[in-house]
């Protein structure tokens, strides 16, 4: 599978502890949302990312594959 870049948008701003859960990914605050983005090398990595989001109790606004 070729590398793909994804953006996961969640509501609100993340605490420092929550931000640390996304090591290796870009985390940016955009108005009332936080955008977590990065390159996914395998489908399993995307599933793992979404599991972390869920385990932190974050509300997902969108998940999109974006241009590299």
PDB file of N, CA and C in Angstrom:
ATOM      1  N   UNK A   1       0.832  -1.168   0.000  1.00  0.00           N
ATOM      2  CA  UNK A   1       0.000   0.000   0.000  1.00  0.00           C
ATOM      3  C   UNK A   1       0.883   1.241   0.000  1.00  0.00           C
ATOM      4  N   UNK A   2       0.620   2.182  -0.885  1.00  0.00           N
ATOM      5  CA  UNK A   2       1.420   3.419  -0.888  1.00  0.00           C
ATOM      6  C   UNK A   2       1.069   4.285   0.321  1.00  0.00           C
ATOM      7  N   UNK A   3       2.029   5.121   0.727  1.00  0.00           N
ATOM      8  CA  UNK A   3       1.791   6.022   1.848  1.00  0.00           C
ATOM      9  C   UNK A   3       0.672   6.997   1.508  1.00  0.00           C
ATOM     10  N   UNK A   4      -0.165   7.283   2.500  1.00  0.00           N
ATOM     11  CA  UNK A   4      -1.262   8.238   2.323  1.00  0.00           C
ATOM     12  C   UNK A   4      -1.268   9.182   3.520  1.00  0.00           C
ATOM     13  N   UNK A   5      -1.647  10.409   3.261  1.00  0.00           N
ATOM     14  CA  UNK A   5      -1.721  11.409   4.334  1.00  0.00           C
ATOM     15  C   UNK A   5      -3.183  11.583   4.740  1.00  0.00           C
ATOM     16  N   UNK A   6      -3.419  11.587   6.048  1.00  0.00           N
ATOM     17  CA  UNK A   6      -4.767  11.745   6.580  1.00  0.00           C
ATOM     18  C   UNK A   6      -4.822  12.921   7.540  1.00  0.00           C
ATOM     19  N   UNK A   7      -6.005  13.524   7.617  1.00  0.00           N
ATOM     20  CA  UNK A   7      -6.312  14.531   8.622  1.00  0.00           C
ATOM     21  C   UNK A   7      -7.515  14.050   9.414  1.00  0.00           C
ATOM     22  N   UNK A   8      -7.369  14.041  10.717  1.00  0.00           N
ATOM     23  CA  UNK A   8      -8.463  13.708  11.607  1.00  0.00           C
ATOM     24  C   UNK A   8      -8.790  14.984  12.379  1.00  0.00           C
ATOM     25  N   UNK A   9     -10.016  15.474  12.231  1.00  0.00           N
ATOM     26  CA  UNK A   9     -10.448  16.683  12.939  1.00  0.00           C
ATOM     27  C   UNK A   9     -11.319  16.280  14.117  1.00  0.00           C
ATOM     28  N   UNK A  10     -10.975  16.836  15.273  1.00  0.00           N
ATOM     29  CA  UNK A  10     -11.744  16.584  16.487  1.00  0.00           C
ATOM     30  C   UNK A  10     -12.170  17.925  17.086  1.00  0.00           C
ATOM     31  N   UNK A  11     -13.252  17.912  17.848  1.00  0.00           N
ATOM     32  CA  UNK A  11     -13.716  19.146  18.462  1.00  0.00           C
ATOM     33  C   UNK A  11     -12.847  19.505  19.661  1.00  0.00           C
ATOM     34  N   UNK A  12     -12.714  20.798  19.882  1.00  0.00           N
ATOM     35  CA  UNK A  12     -11.998  21.303  21.039  1.00  0.00           C
ATOM     36  C   UNK A  12     -10.491  21.298  20.885  1.00  0.00           C
ATOM     37  N   UNK A  13      -9.851  21.663  21.986  1.00  0.00           N
ATOM     38  CA  UNK A  13      -8.390  21.717  22.040  1.00  0.00           C
ATOM     39  C   UNK A  13      -7.897  20.587  22.938  1.00  0.00           C
ATOM     40  N   UNK A  14      -6.756  20.038  22.596  1.00  0.00           N
ATOM     41  CA  UNK A  14      -6.230  18.899  23.338  1.00  0.00           C
ATOM     42  C   UNK A  14      -5.311  19.359  24.462  1.00  0.00           C
ATOM     43  N   UNK A  15      -5.361  18.633  25.556  1.00  0.00           N
ATOM     44  CA  UNK A  15      -4.422  18.872  26.654  1.00  0.00           C
ATOM     45  C   UNK A  15      -3.035  18.418  26.189  1.00  0.00           C
ATOM     46  N   UNK A  16      -2.023  18.796  26.947  1.00  0.00           N
ATOM     47  CA  UNK A  16      -0.655  18.382  26.614  1.00  0.00           C
ATOM     48  C   UNK A  16      -0.544  16.862  26.660  1.00  0.00           C
ATOM     49  N   UNK A  17      -1.208  16.245  27.629  1.00  0.00           N
ATOM     50  CA  UNK A  17      -1.182  14.778  27.753  1.00  0.00           C
ATOM     51  C   UNK A  17      -1.812  14.118  26.518  1.00  0.00           C
ATOM     52  N   UNK A  18      -2.944  14.661  26.071  1.00  0.00           N
ATOM     53  CA  UNK A  18      -3.603  14.105  24.887  1.00  0.00           C
ATOM     54  C   UNK A  18      -2.737  14.318  23.652  1.00  0.00           C
ATOM     55  N   UNK A  19      -2.110  15.486  23.540  1.00  0.00           N
ATOM     56  CA  UNK A  19      -1.227  15.762  22.396  1.00  0.00           C
ATOM     57  C   UNK A  19      -0.078  14.752  22.351  1.00  0.00           C
ATOM     58  N   UNK A  20       0.438  14.395  23.530  1.00  0.00           N
ATOM     59  CA  UNK A  20       1.545  13.439  23.607  1.00  0.00           C
ATOM     60  C   UNK A  20       1.162  12.066  23.068  1.00  0.00           C
ATOM     61  N   UNK A  21      -0.121  11.740  23.082  1.00  0.00           N
ATOM     62  CA  UNK A  21      -0.586  10.447  22.576  1.00  0.00           C
ATOM     63  C   UNK A  21      -0.421  10.342  21.063  1.00  0.00           C
ATOM     64  N   UNK A  22      -0.203  11.486  20.415  1.00  0.00           N
ATOM     65  CA  UNK A  22      -0.078  11.509  18.957  1.00  0.00           C
ATOM     66  C   UNK A  22       1.355  11.834  18.522  1.00  0.00           C
ATOM     67  N   UNK A  23       2.316  11.284  19.230  1.00  0.00           N
ATOM     68  CA  UNK A  23       3.726  11.494  18.898  1.00  0.00           C
ATOM     69  C   UNK A  23       3.994  11.056  17.459  1.00  0.00           C
ATOM     70  N   UNK A  24       4.737  11.858  16.749  1.00  0.00           N
ATOM     71  CA  UNK A  24       5.062  11.536  15.358  1.00  0.00           C
ATOM     72  C   UNK A  24       4.058  12.081  14.364  1.00  0.00           C
ATOM     73  N   UNK A  25       2.968  12.668  14.865  1.00  0.00           N
ATOM     74  CA  UNK A  25       1.950  13.265  14.001  1.00  0.00           C
ATOM     75  C   UNK A  25       1.913  14.766  14.244  1.00  0.00           C
ATOM     76  N   UNK A  26       1.387  15.498  13.296  1.00  0.00           N
ATOM     77  CA  UNK A  26       1.210  16.937  13.462  1.00  0.00           C
ATOM     78  C   UNK A  26      -0.114  17.172  14.176  1.00  0.00           C
ATOM     79  N   UNK A  27      -0.088  18.034  15.173  1.00  0.00           N
ATOM     80  CA  UNK A  27      -1.306  18.402  15.905  1.00  0.00           C
ATOM     81  C   UNK A  27      -1.403  19.919  15.869  1.00  0.00           C
ATOM     82  N   UNK A  28      -2.467  20.435  15.252  1.00  0.00           N
ATOM     83  CA  UNK A  28      -2.637  21.875  15.099  1.00  0.00           C
ATOM     84  C   UNK A  28      -4.044  22.286  15.510  1.00  0.00           C
ATOM     85  N   UNK A  29      -4.129  23.387  16.226  1.00  0.00           N
ATOM     86  CA  UNK A  29      -5.425  23.914  16.620  1.00  0.00           C
ATOM     87  C   UNK A  29      -5.922  24.862  15.541  1.00  0.00           C
ATOM     88  N   UNK A  30      -7.169  24.646  15.114  1.00  0.00           N
ATOM     89  CA  UNK A  30      -7.796  25.456  14.080  1.00  0.00           C
ATOM     90  C   UNK A  30      -9.167  25.859  14.600  1.00  0.00           C
ATOM     91  N   UNK A  31      -9.347  27.109  14.907  1.00  0.00           N
ATOM     92  CA  UNK A  31     -10.567  27.640  15.553  1.00  0.00           C
ATOM     93  C   UNK A  31     -10.990  26.732  16.700  1.00  0.00           C
ATOM     94  N   UNK A  32     -12.159  26.155  16.669  1.00  0.00           N
ATOM     95  CA  UNK A  32     -12.660  25.344  17.790  1.00  0.00           C
ATOM     96  C   UNK A  32     -12.355  23.864  17.617  1.00  0.00           C
ATOM     97  N   UNK A  33     -11.464  23.540  16.704  1.00  0.00           N
ATOM     98  CA  UNK A  33     -11.126  22.140  16.423  1.00  0.00           C
ATOM     99  C   UNK A  33      -9.625  21.922  16.538  1.00  0.00           C
ATOM    100  N   UNK A  34      -9.253  20.665  16.608  1.00  0.00           N
ATOM    101  CA  UNK A  34      -7.850  20.275  16.534  1.00  0.00           C
ATOM    102  C   UNK A  34      -7.701  19.327  15.361  1.00  0.00           C
ATOM    103  N   UNK A  35      -6.670  19.560  14.541  1.00  0.00           N
ATOM    104  CA  UNK A  35      -6.397  18.721  13.378  1.00  0.00           C
ATOM    105  C   UNK A  35      -5.169  17.872  13.683  1.00  0.00           C
ATOM    106  N   UNK A  36      -5.343  16.566  13.595  1.00  0.00           N
ATOM    107  CA  UNK A  36      -4.258  15.608  13.788  1.00  0.00           C
ATOM    108  C   UNK A  36      -3.968  15.047  12.406  1.00  0.00           C
ATOM    109  N   UNK A  37      -2.740  15.210  11.929  1.00  0.00           N
ATOM    110  CA  UNK A  37      -2.447  14.771  10.559  1.00  0.00           C
ATOM    111  C   UNK A  37      -1.096  14.083  10.495  1.00  0.00           C
ATOM    112  N   UNK A  38      -0.973  13.245   9.475  1.00  0.00           N
ATOM    113  CA  UNK A  38       0.283  12.556   9.262  1.00  0.00           C
ATOM    114  C   UNK A  38       0.156  11.513   8.180  1.00  0.00           C
ATOM    115  N   UNK A  39       1.285  10.927   7.864  1.00  0.00           N
ATOM    116  CA  UNK A  39       1.354   9.914   6.814  1.00  0.00           C
ATOM    117  C   UNK A  39       1.067   8.548   7.425  1.00  0.00           C
ATOM    118  N   UNK A  40       0.234   7.786   6.747  1.00  0.00           N
ATOM    119  CA  UNK A  40      -0.121   6.434   7.167  1.00  0.00           C
ATOM    120  C   UNK A  40       0.496   5.468   6.157  1.00  0.00           C
ATOM    121  N   UNK A  41       1.290   4.542   6.660  1.00  0.00           N
ATOM    122  CA  UNK A  41       1.983   3.596   5.786  1.00  0.00           C
ATOM    123  C   UNK A  41       1.172   2.327   5.545  1.00  0.00           C
ATOM    124  N   UNK A  42       0.305   1.984   6.503  1.00  0.00           N
ATOM    125  CA  UNK A  42      -0.506   0.775   6.391  1.00  0.00           C
ATOM    126  C   UNK A  42      -1.884   1.061   6.980  1.00  0.00           C
ATOM    127  N   UNK A  43      -2.879   0.319   6.524  1.00  0.00           N
ATOM    128  CA  UNK A  43      -4.239   0.499   7.035  1.00  0.00           C
ATOM    129  C   UNK A  43      -4.297   0.341   8.551  1.00  0.00           C
ATOM    130  N   UNK A  44      -3.500  -0.565   9.097  1.00  0.00           N
ATOM    131  CA  UNK A  44      -3.495  -0.793  10.539  1.00  0.00           C
ATOM    132  C   UNK A  44      -3.139   0.478  11.307  1.00  0.00           C
ATOM    133  N   UNK A  45      -2.247   1.292  10.749  1.00  0.00           N
ATOM    134  CA  UNK A  45      -1.854   2.524  11.427  1.00  0.00           C
ATOM    135  C   UNK A  45      -3.028   3.501  11.519  1.00  0.00           C
ATOM    136  N   UNK A  46      -3.847   3.569  10.492  1.00  0.00           N
ATOM    137  CA  UNK A  46      -5.020   4.432  10.532  1.00  0.00           C
ATOM    138  C   UNK A  46      -5.987   3.938  11.604  1.00  0.00           C
ATOM    139  N   UNK A  47      -6.186   2.633  11.676  1.00  0.00           N
ATOM    140  CA  UNK A  47      -7.074   2.060  12.691  1.00  0.00           C
ATOM    141  C   UNK A  47      -6.536   2.334  14.093  1.00  0.00           C
ATOM    142  N   UNK A  48      -5.209   2.229  14.263  1.00  0.00           N
ATOM    143  CA  UNK A  48      -4.598   2.506  15.569  1.00  0.00           C
ATOM    144  C   UNK A  48      -4.787   3.974  15.947  1.00  0.00           C
ATOM    145  N   UNK A  49      -4.629   4.873  14.988  1.00  0.00           N
ATOM    146  CA  UNK A  49      -4.830   6.295  15.245  1.00  0.00           C
ATOM    147  C   UNK A  49      -6.262   6.548  15.720  1.00  0.00           C
ATOM    148  N   UNK A  50      -7.214   5.960  15.037  1.00  0.00           N
ATOM    149  CA  UNK A  50      -8.620   6.153  15.401  1.00  0.00           C
ATOM    150  C   UNK A  50      -8.941   5.522  16.758  1.00  0.00           C
ATOM    151  N   UNK A  51      -8.265   4.436  17.107  1.00  0.00           N
ATOM    152  CA  UNK A  51      -8.449   3.822  18.427  1.00  0.00           C
ATOM    153  C   UNK A  51      -7.944   4.751  19.532  1.00  0.00           C
ATOM    154  N   UNK A  52      -6.822   5.440  19.287  1.00  0.00           N
ATOM    155  CA  UNK A  52      -6.302   6.393  20.271  1.00  0.00           C
ATOM    156  C   UNK A  52      -7.290   7.540  20.443  1.00  0.00           C
ATOM    157  N   UNK A  53      -7.803   8.054  19.330  1.00  0.00           N
ATOM    158  CA  UNK A  53      -8.797   9.128  19.381  1.00  0.00           C
ATOM    159  C   UNK A  53      -9.991   8.680  20.231  1.00  0.00           C
ATOM    160  N   UNK A  54     -10.474   7.481  19.973  1.00  0.00           N
ATOM    161  CA  UNK A  54     -11.625   6.961  20.711  1.00  0.00           C
ATOM    162  C   UNK A  54     -11.291   6.763  22.187  1.00  0.00           C
ATOM    163  N   UNK A  55     -10.115   6.237  22.484  1.00  0.00           N
ATOM    164  CA  UNK A  55      -9.745   5.968  23.879  1.00  0.00           C
ATOM    165  C   UNK A  55      -9.634   7.248  24.693  1.00  0.00           C
ATOM    166  N   UNK A  56      -9.342   8.363  24.030  1.00  0.00           N
ATOM    167  CA  UNK A  56      -9.258   9.654  24.709  1.00  0.00           C
ATOM    168  C   UNK A  56     -10.622  10.330  24.824  1.00  0.00           C
ATOM    169  N   UNK A  57     -11.640   9.718  24.241  1.00  0.00           N
ATOM    170  CA  UNK A  57     -12.983  10.268  24.320  1.00  0.00           C
ATOM    171  C   UNK A  57     -13.189  11.503  23.463  1.00  0.00           C
ATOM    172  N   UNK A  58     -12.407  11.625  22.392  1.00  0.00           N
ATOM    173  CA  UNK A  58     -12.512  12.794  21.518  1.00  0.00           C
ATOM    174  C   UNK A  58     -13.668  12.625  20.537  1.00  0.00           C
ATOM    175  N   UNK A  59     -14.308  13.729  20.201  1.00  0.00           N
ATOM    176  CA  UNK A  59     -15.423  13.717  19.248  1.00  0.00           C
ATOM    177  C   UNK A  59     -14.868  14.003  17.851  1.00  0.00           C
ATOM    178  N   UNK A  60     -14.962  13.024  16.951  1.00  0.00           N
ATOM    179  CA  UNK A  60     -14.435  13.158  15.590  1.00  0.00           C
ATOM    180  C   UNK A  60     -15.399  13.967  14.741  1.00  0.00           C
ATOM    181  N   UNK A  61     -14.877  14.999  14.092  1.00  0.00           N
ATOM    182  CA  UNK A  61     -15.642  15.812  13.161  1.00  0.00           C
ATOM    183  C   UNK A  61     -15.522  15.224  11.761  1.00  0.00           C
ATOM    184  N   UNK A  62     -14.281  14.844  11.373  1.00  0.00           N
ATOM    185  CA  UNK A  62     -14.071  14.270  10.054  1.00  0.00           C
ATOM    186  C   UNK A  62     -12.745  13.515  10.008  1.00  0.00           C
ATOM    187  N   UNK A  63     -12.671  12.580   9.062  1.00  0.00           N
ATOM    188  CA  UNK A  63     -11.437  11.866   8.737  1.00  0.00           C
ATOM    189  C   UNK A  63     -11.334  11.939   7.224  1.00  0.00           C
ATOM    190  N   UNK A  64     -10.240  12.532   6.746  1.00  0.00           N
ATOM    191  CA  UNK A  64     -10.083  12.704   5.301  1.00  0.00           C
ATOM    192  C   UNK A  64      -8.681  12.345   4.843  1.00  0.00           C
ATOM    193  N   UNK A  65      -8.619  11.708   3.677  1.00  0.00           N
ATOM    194  CA  UNK A  65      -7.333  11.512   3.033  1.00  0.00           C
ATOM    195  C   UNK A  65      -7.055  12.785   2.253  1.00  0.00           C
ATOM    196  N   UNK A  66      -5.864  13.358   2.436  1.00  0.00           N
ATOM    197  CA  UNK A  66      -5.517  14.609   1.792  1.00  0.00           C
ATOM    198  C   UNK A  66      -4.266  14.429   0.938  1.00  0.00           C
ATOM    199  N   UNK A  67      -4.050  15.372   0.043  1.00  0.00           N
ATOM    200  CA  UNK A  67      -2.881  15.311  -0.834  1.00  0.00           C
ATOM    201  C   UNK A  67      -1.606  15.395   0.010  1.00  0.00           C
ATOM    202  N   UNK A  68      -0.568  14.663  -0.392  1.00  0.00           N
ATOM    203  CA  UNK A  68       0.690  14.684   0.352  1.00  0.00           C
ATOM    204  C   UNK A  68       1.365  16.048   0.335  1.00  0.00           C
TER     205      UNK A  68
END
